[in-house]
Amino acid sequence: MARMKFGVVLPMIGSLASTEAVDAVCDKAEEVGLDSIWVIDHILLPYSIGAKYPYNLTGEWMAGQGPWWDAFSILSYAAARTSTVQLGTCVIILPYRHPVHTAKIVATIDQLSRGRLQFGIGVGWMKDEFENLQLDSFHHRGALVNEQIKVFKEVWANDPASFDGSYYRFNEVSVTPRPYQRPHPPILVGGNSEAALERTASLCDGWLGISLRPKGLAEHRARLLQTCEEQGRSGSDMPIAMLHGITLVDDPDYRATLSHQERSQGVVGTIEQCVEELREFEDSGLTHMIASARRLGRPGGGIQAVLEGIDTLANEIIPAVRS
């Protein structure tokens, strides 16, 4: 059985966002042999957010304000900066862009990286962002995204390409380049909802969850496998990725001081405790752990803490998980 892969989010958000920090994490990821590096997508951040964040118990979005660099631009840069590490989107919010344009960008990055791209997608949760982008698609974004996925597959497979749907229509157009990977980069559906699992089973290649505990991940995977079976597919080999925090501490009793909410947001503990929990995730069916680079590492701030955390992940945690 293939062992669980590990990746990190590039420092493109908040105080760490800089060309130098992106360089450092790209270089470190390849130096230590990480499997992947990832980007996260938002176009604008309203100063007042009324929407509830769906991936924690409080509904409060912890990312806050501050710099947020463009996901596709960072990924193109990373494609040139690196040569072996996989590249991923975690996730691109599809309703924000026209699908033909998105398909062209994704195929171009896949070509530039010589087939190293994993395309994580999402429907979006922040209604305030939709409204400020003057998009009226929030309440039908699920159906819109399903159609976008079909558009991607059409333009990546055919030249000329044509499509006649409820939201998008075009006739005999050329959209190039085609992706390096054939028929296309793996499409991973982000989100913990039943709709995300249904979209994965019916249209896509893998699932990308957010901040679940091992038991919750296993339950979601079981529902995904059942849904795949109902769709006439076998989901047993389907990639199961997850975005999660990893926080290392020296005190083995520290974990016991955390609330249920705090424990649900990441793998927290000593190296030994983190290894134990990561093995539980692997046993639950997780195939790819994506750690937030800002939260990875020992207490402290700045890019050095991130790089120290990546070193510890690669040299002490991953080998222990895989042993």
Protein backbone atom coordinates (compact mmCIF):
# COMPACT_ATOMS: atom_id res chain seq x y z
CA MET A 1 0.00 0.00 0.00
CA ALA A 2 1.28 3.47 -0.88
CA ARG A 3 2.17 5.49 2.19
CA MET A 4 0.55 8.81 3.06
CA LYS A 5 2.01 11.84 1.31
CA PHE A 6 2.80 15.14 2.99
CA GLY A 7 2.65 18.71 1.71
CA VAL A 8 2.67 22.29 2.98
CA VAL A 9 0.86 25.49 2.09
CA LEU A 10 3.10 28.16 0.60
CA PRO A 11 3.52 31.40 2.62
CA MET A 12 1.22 33.55 0.49
CA ILE A 13 -1.04 34.84 3.27
CA GLY A 14 -0.54 37.38 6.05
CA SER A 15 2.73 38.70 7.41
CA LEU A 16 4.81 35.91 5.89
CA ALA A 17 3.71 36.59 2.30
CA SER A 18 6.79 37.57 0.29
CA THR A 19 8.82 36.41 -2.67
CA GLU A 20 11.67 35.51 -0.34
CA ALA A 21 9.39 33.35 1.85
CA VAL A 22 7.91 31.56 -1.17
CA ASP A 23 11.44 30.93 -2.46
CA ALA A 24 12.52 29.56 0.90
CA VAL A 25 9.61 27.13 1.25
CA CYS A 26 9.81 25.96 -2.38
CA ASP A 27 13.53 25.30 -1.97
CA LYS A 28 13.13 23.64 1.44
CA ALA A 29 10.29 21.41 0.22
CA GLU A 30 12.45 19.99 -2.55
CA GLU A 31 15.57 19.83 -0.39
CA VAL A 32 13.92 17.65 2.26
CA GLY A 33 11.79 15.63 -0.16
CA LEU A 34 8.27 16.77 0.67
CA ASP A 35 5.64 15.47 -1.72
CA SER A 36 3.77 18.69 -2.46
CA ILE A 37 3.27 22.43 -2.04
CA TRP A 38 -0.15 24.11 -2.16
CA VAL A 39 -1.89 27.46 -2.62
CA ILE A 40 -5.20 28.79 -1.26
CA ASP A 41 -7.62 31.03 -3.14
CA HIS A 42 -9.46 34.22 -2.26
CA ILE A 43 -9.72 37.29 -4.52
CA LEU A 44 -10.79 39.91 -1.98
CA LEU A 45 -11.41 39.96 1.77
CA PRO A 46 -14.30 42.07 3.08
CA TYR A 47 -13.45 43.91 6.29
CA SER A 48 -16.84 42.86 7.63
CA ILE A 49 -17.69 39.18 7.11
CA GLY A 50 -21.19 38.06 7.97
CA ALA A 51 -20.82 34.51 6.65
CA LYS A 52 -20.02 31.74 9.10
CA TYR A 53 -16.88 29.73 8.45
CA PRO A 54 -18.03 26.11 7.97
CA TYR A 55 -14.87 24.29 9.03
CA ASN A 56 -14.70 24.89 12.77
CA LEU A 57 -17.10 24.85 15.71
CA THR A 58 -17.29 28.62 16.26
CA GLY A 59 -17.97 29.77 12.69
CA GLU A 60 -15.19 32.35 13.05
CA TRP A 61 -12.73 32.57 10.19
CA MET A 62 -9.26 32.61 11.72
CA ALA A 63 -7.33 33.86 8.67
CA GLY A 64 -8.36 37.46 9.32
CA GLN A 65 -7.20 40.40 7.25
CA GLY A 66 -3.81 41.05 5.71
CA PRO A 67 -2.00 40.26 2.46
CA TRP A 68 -3.40 37.43 0.35
CA TRP A 69 -1.45 36.79 -2.82
CA ASP A 70 -2.98 35.40 -6.02
CA ALA A 71 -3.13 31.61 -6.05
CA PHE A 72 -2.55 31.00 -9.75
CA SER A 73 0.32 33.50 -9.95
CA ILE A 74 2.06 31.88 -6.99
CA LEU A 75 1.56 28.44 -8.51
CA SER A 76 3.05 29.51 -11.85
CA TYR A 77 6.04 30.95 -10.03
CA ALA A 78 6.41 27.76 -7.97
CA ALA A 79 6.28 25.66 -11.15
CA ALA A 80 9.39 27.47 -12.39
CA ARG A 81 11.10 27.53 -8.98
CA THR A 82 10.77 23.76 -8.44
CA SER A 83 11.34 20.63 -10.50
CA THR A 84 10.12 17.57 -8.57
CA VAL A 85 7.56 18.53 -5.92
CA GLN A 86 3.88 18.25 -6.78
CA LEU A 87 1.82 21.47 -6.99
CA GLY A 88 -1.73 21.78 -5.71
CA THR A 89 -4.63 24.19 -5.29
CA CYS A 90 -6.39 23.99 -1.95
CA VAL A 91 -8.79 25.11 -3.32
CA ILE A 92 -9.67 27.31 -6.30
CA ILE A 93 -13.13 28.82 -5.78
CA LEU A 94 -14.62 28.07 -9.17
CA PRO A 95 -17.60 30.48 -9.30
CA TYR A 96 -15.25 33.48 -9.16
CA ARG A 97 -13.94 32.86 -12.69
CA HIS A 98 -15.21 31.84 -16.11
CA PRO A 99 -14.51 28.11 -16.57
CA VAL A 100 -12.87 28.47 -19.99
CA HIS A 101 -10.37 30.93 -18.52
CA THR A 102 -9.79 28.67 -15.51
CA ALA A 103 -9.27 25.66 -17.79
CA LYS A 104 -6.68 27.59 -19.79
CA ILE A 105 -4.77 28.66 -16.67
CA VAL A 106 -4.80 25.17 -15.17
CA ALA A 107 -3.63 23.54 -18.40
CA THR A 108 -0.86 26.11 -18.79
CA ILE A 109 0.44 25.52 -15.25
CA ASP A 110 0.27 21.77 -15.80
CA GLN A 111 2.38 22.22 -18.94
CA LEU A 112 4.86 24.55 -17.21
CA SER A 113 5.27 22.07 -14.37
CA ARG A 114 5.44 19.06 -16.76
CA GLY A 115 2.45 17.38 -15.20
CA ARG A 116 2.90 18.07 -11.50
CA LEU A 117 -0.45 19.77 -10.83
CA GLN A 118 -3.32 18.58 -8.63
CA PHE A 119 -6.41 20.72 -9.15
CA GLY A 120 -8.36 21.19 -5.93
CA ILE A 121 -11.69 22.95 -6.42
CA GLY A 122 -14.42 24.41 -4.22
CA VAL A 123 -17.77 26.17 -4.42
CA GLY A 124 -16.93 28.91 -1.90
CA TRP A 125 -18.49 29.71 1.47
CA MET A 126 -18.05 33.48 1.92
CA LYS A 127 -21.23 35.07 0.60
CA ASP A 128 -19.75 38.50 1.32
CA GLU A 129 -16.97 37.84 -1.21
CA PHE A 130 -19.47 36.84 -3.90
CA GLU A 131 -21.44 40.04 -3.29
CA ASN A 132 -18.38 42.29 -3.43
CA LEU A 133 -17.33 40.63 -6.68
CA GLN A 134 -20.85 41.44 -7.96
CA LEU A 135 -21.63 37.76 -8.51
CA ASP A 136 -25.20 36.55 -8.11
CA SER A 137 -24.26 32.86 -8.13
CA PHE A 138 -23.92 32.14 -4.39
CA HIS A 139 -27.25 30.34 -3.98
CA HIS A 140 -26.82 28.18 -7.08
CA ARG A 141 -23.03 27.78 -6.86
CA GLY A 142 -23.22 23.99 -6.56
CA ALA A 143 -24.99 23.56 -9.88
CA LEU A 144 -22.70 26.17 -11.42
CA VAL A 145 -19.58 24.31 -10.29
CA ASN A 146 -20.89 20.98 -11.58
CA GLU A 147 -21.30 22.56 -15.00
CA GLN A 148 -17.86 24.17 -14.83
CA ILE A 149 -16.29 20.75 -14.27
CA LYS A 150 -18.02 19.51 -17.42
CA VAL A 151 -16.70 22.56 -19.31
CA PHE A 152 -13.14 21.76 -18.17
CA LYS A 153 -13.39 18.22 -19.44
CA GLU A 154 -14.82 19.36 -22.78
CA VAL A 155 -12.12 21.93 -23.57
CA TRP A 156 -9.31 19.72 -22.28
CA ALA A 157 -10.43 16.83 -24.47
CA ASN A 158 -11.58 18.44 -27.70
CA ASP A 159 -10.40 21.02 -30.23
CA PRO A 160 -12.69 22.40 -31.43
CA ALA A 161 -14.75 22.30 -28.24
CA SER A 162 -18.46 23.03 -27.84
CA PHE A 163 -20.77 23.23 -24.84
CA ASP A 164 -24.46 23.95 -24.35
CA GLY A 165 -25.43 24.13 -20.69
CA SER A 166 -27.62 26.09 -18.32
CA TYR A 167 -24.88 28.61 -17.46
CA TYR A 168 -22.25 28.33 -20.21
CA ARG A 169 -22.49 28.03 -23.97
CA PHE A 170 -19.90 28.13 -26.71
CA ASN A 171 -19.58 26.54 -30.13
CA GLU A 172 -16.47 25.21 -31.89
CA VAL A 173 -13.79 27.12 -30.05
CA SER A 174 -10.11 26.38 -29.51
CA VAL A 175 -8.86 26.51 -25.92
CA THR A 176 -5.16 25.74 -25.64
CA PRO A 177 -2.90 24.39 -24.35
CA ARG A 178 -4.27 21.05 -23.34
CA PRO A 179 -2.98 19.75 -20.01
CA TYR A 180 0.30 17.88 -19.82
CA GLN A 181 -1.46 15.11 -17.87
CA ARG A 182 -3.97 13.12 -19.86
CA PRO A 183 -6.87 13.30 -19.84
CA HIS A 184 -6.34 16.11 -17.29
CA PRO A 185 -4.81 16.86 -13.86
CA PRO A 186 -6.54 15.09 -10.97
CA ILE A 187 -9.57 17.12 -9.86
CA LEU A 188 -10.01 17.04 -6.08
CA VAL A 189 -13.24 18.35 -4.56
CA GLY A 190 -12.72 20.44 -1.43
CA GLY A 191 -15.22 20.55 1.44
CA ASN A 192 -16.75 18.38 4.13
CA SER A 193 -20.37 18.53 2.96
CA GLU A 194 -22.49 15.77 1.50
CA ALA A 195 -22.62 17.79 -1.71
CA ALA A 196 -18.81 17.74 -1.92
CA LEU A 197 -18.77 13.95 -1.53
CA GLU A 198 -21.49 13.60 -4.18
CA ARG A 199 -19.57 15.88 -6.56
CA THR A 200 -16.42 13.81 -6.02
CA ALA A 201 -18.20 10.55 -6.72
CA SER A 202 -20.08 11.74 -9.79
CA LEU A 203 -17.62 14.04 -11.55
CA CYS A 204 -14.13 14.12 -10.06
CA ASP A 205 -11.02 12.16 -9.13
CA GLY A 206 -10.50 12.67 -5.39
CA TRP A 207 -11.68 14.40 -2.23
CA LEU A 208 -9.98 17.11 -0.15
CA GLY A 209 -11.34 17.52 3.39
CA ILE A 210 -10.66 20.26 5.92
CA SER A 211 -9.71 19.88 9.59
CA LEU A 212 -11.36 16.60 10.52
CA ARG A 213 -10.28 14.24 13.29
CA PRO A 214 -9.39 10.64 12.31
CA LYS A 215 -12.84 9.30 13.22
CA GLY A 216 -14.58 12.03 11.23
CA LEU A 217 -12.31 11.44 8.25
CA ALA A 218 -13.11 7.72 8.30
CA GLU A 219 -16.84 8.46 8.42
CA HIS A 220 -16.60 10.85 5.47
CA ARG A 221 -14.55 8.35 3.47
CA ALA A 222 -17.10 5.61 4.16
CA ARG A 223 -19.89 7.85 2.84
CA LEU A 224 -17.77 8.70 -0.22
CA LEU A 225 -17.18 5.02 -0.99
CA GLN A 226 -20.90 4.34 -0.67
CA THR A 227 -21.72 7.24 -2.98
CA CYS A 228 -19.14 6.05 -5.51
CA GLU A 229 -20.73 2.60 -5.46
CA GLU A 230 -24.14 4.16 -6.10
CA GLN A 231 -22.58 5.97 -9.09
CA GLY A 232 -21.15 2.73 -10.42
CA ARG A 233 -17.58 3.65 -9.51
CA SER A 234 -15.00 2.09 -7.24
CA GLY A 235 -13.68 4.65 -4.80
CA SER A 236 -11.19 2.38 -3.07
CA ASP A 237 -8.17 3.90 -4.83
CA MET A 238 -9.47 7.48 -4.80
CA PRO A 239 -7.06 10.07 -3.34
CA ILE A 240 -8.17 11.40 0.05
CA ALA A 241 -6.37 14.60 1.00
CA MET A 242 -6.91 16.97 3.92
CA LEU A 243 -5.85 20.48 4.89
CA HIS A 244 -4.95 20.51 8.58
CA GLY A 245 -2.64 22.21 11.04
CA ILE A 246 0.36 20.60 12.71
CA THR A 247 1.69 22.26 15.85
CA LEU A 248 4.67 20.83 17.69
CA VAL A 249 5.18 21.43 21.41
CA ASP A 250 7.66 20.12 23.97
CA ASP A 251 5.23 19.48 26.83
CA PRO A 252 3.37 16.14 26.49
CA ASP A 253 0.66 17.47 28.82
CA TYR A 254 -0.05 20.51 26.63
CA ARG A 255 -2.61 18.70 24.50
CA ALA A 256 -4.77 18.01 27.56
CA THR A 257 -5.13 21.76 28.17
CA LEU A 258 -6.78 22.39 24.79
CA SER A 259 -10.50 22.77 24.24
CA HIS A 260 -12.38 20.50 21.84
CA GLN A 261 -12.44 23.39 19.36
CA GLU A 262 -8.66 23.85 19.55
CA ARG A 263 -8.00 20.12 19.18
CA SER A 264 -10.23 19.92 16.14
CA GLN A 265 -8.14 22.46 14.23
CA GLY A 266 -4.91 20.55 14.03
CA VAL A 267 -2.57 17.79 15.05
CA VAL A 268 -1.06 19.12 18.27
CA GLY A 269 1.53 17.63 20.60
CA THR A 270 5.04 16.35 20.90
CA ILE A 271 6.66 14.64 17.96
CA GLU A 272 5.65 11.26 19.36
CA GLN A 273 2.04 12.37 19.90
CA CYS A 274 1.81 13.87 16.40
CA VAL A 275 3.22 10.70 14.85
CA GLU A 276 0.62 8.62 16.68
CA GLU A 277 -2.25 10.79 15.45
CA LEU A 278 -0.94 10.93 11.89
CA ARG A 279 -0.87 7.13 11.84
CA GLU A 280 -4.51 7.19 12.93
CA PHE A 281 -5.27 9.42 9.94
CA GLU A 282 -3.48 7.03 7.60
CA ASP A 283 -5.41 4.11 9.06
CA SER A 284 -8.62 6.11 8.46
CA GLY A 285 -7.84 6.32 4.74
CA LEU A 286 -6.00 9.64 4.40
CA THR A 287 -3.56 9.54 1.49
CA HIS A 288 -2.25 13.13 1.52
CA MET A 289 -1.82 15.44 4.54
CA ILE A 290 -1.54 19.14 3.65
CA ALA A 291 -0.21 21.18 6.59
CA SER A 292 -0.57 24.92 6.96
CA ALA A 293 2.97 26.28 6.80
CA ARG A 294 2.14 29.21 9.06
CA ARG A 295 1.01 26.87 11.81
CA LEU A 296 3.73 24.31 11.29
CA GLY A 297 6.66 24.49 13.69
CA ARG A 298 7.56 25.27 17.25
CA PRO A 299 6.28 28.37 19.08
CA GLY A 300 7.64 31.51 17.50
CA GLY A 301 7.05 33.50 14.38
CA GLY A 302 8.57 34.25 11.03
CA ILE A 303 9.81 32.21 8.14
CA GLN A 304 12.53 30.54 10.22
CA ALA A 305 9.88 28.89 12.40
CA VAL A 306 8.17 27.62 9.26
CA LEU A 307 11.41 26.23 7.84
CA GLU A 308 12.27 24.60 11.17
CA GLY A 309 8.83 23.00 11.19
CA ILE A 310 9.32 21.64 7.67
CA ASP A 311 12.71 20.20 8.68
CA THR A 312 11.13 18.51 11.69
CA LEU A 313 8.25 17.20 9.58
CA ALA A 314 10.57 15.76 6.94
CA ASN A 315 13.34 14.43 9.15
CA GLU A 316 11.55 13.25 12.28
CA ILE A 317 7.80 12.96 11.77
CA ILE A 318 7.39 11.51 8.27
CA PRO A 319 10.01 8.76 8.71
CA ALA A 320 8.41 7.77 12.02
CA VAL A 321 4.91 7.68 10.48
CA ARG A 322 6.16 5.51 7.64
CA SER A 323 8.30 3.19 9.74
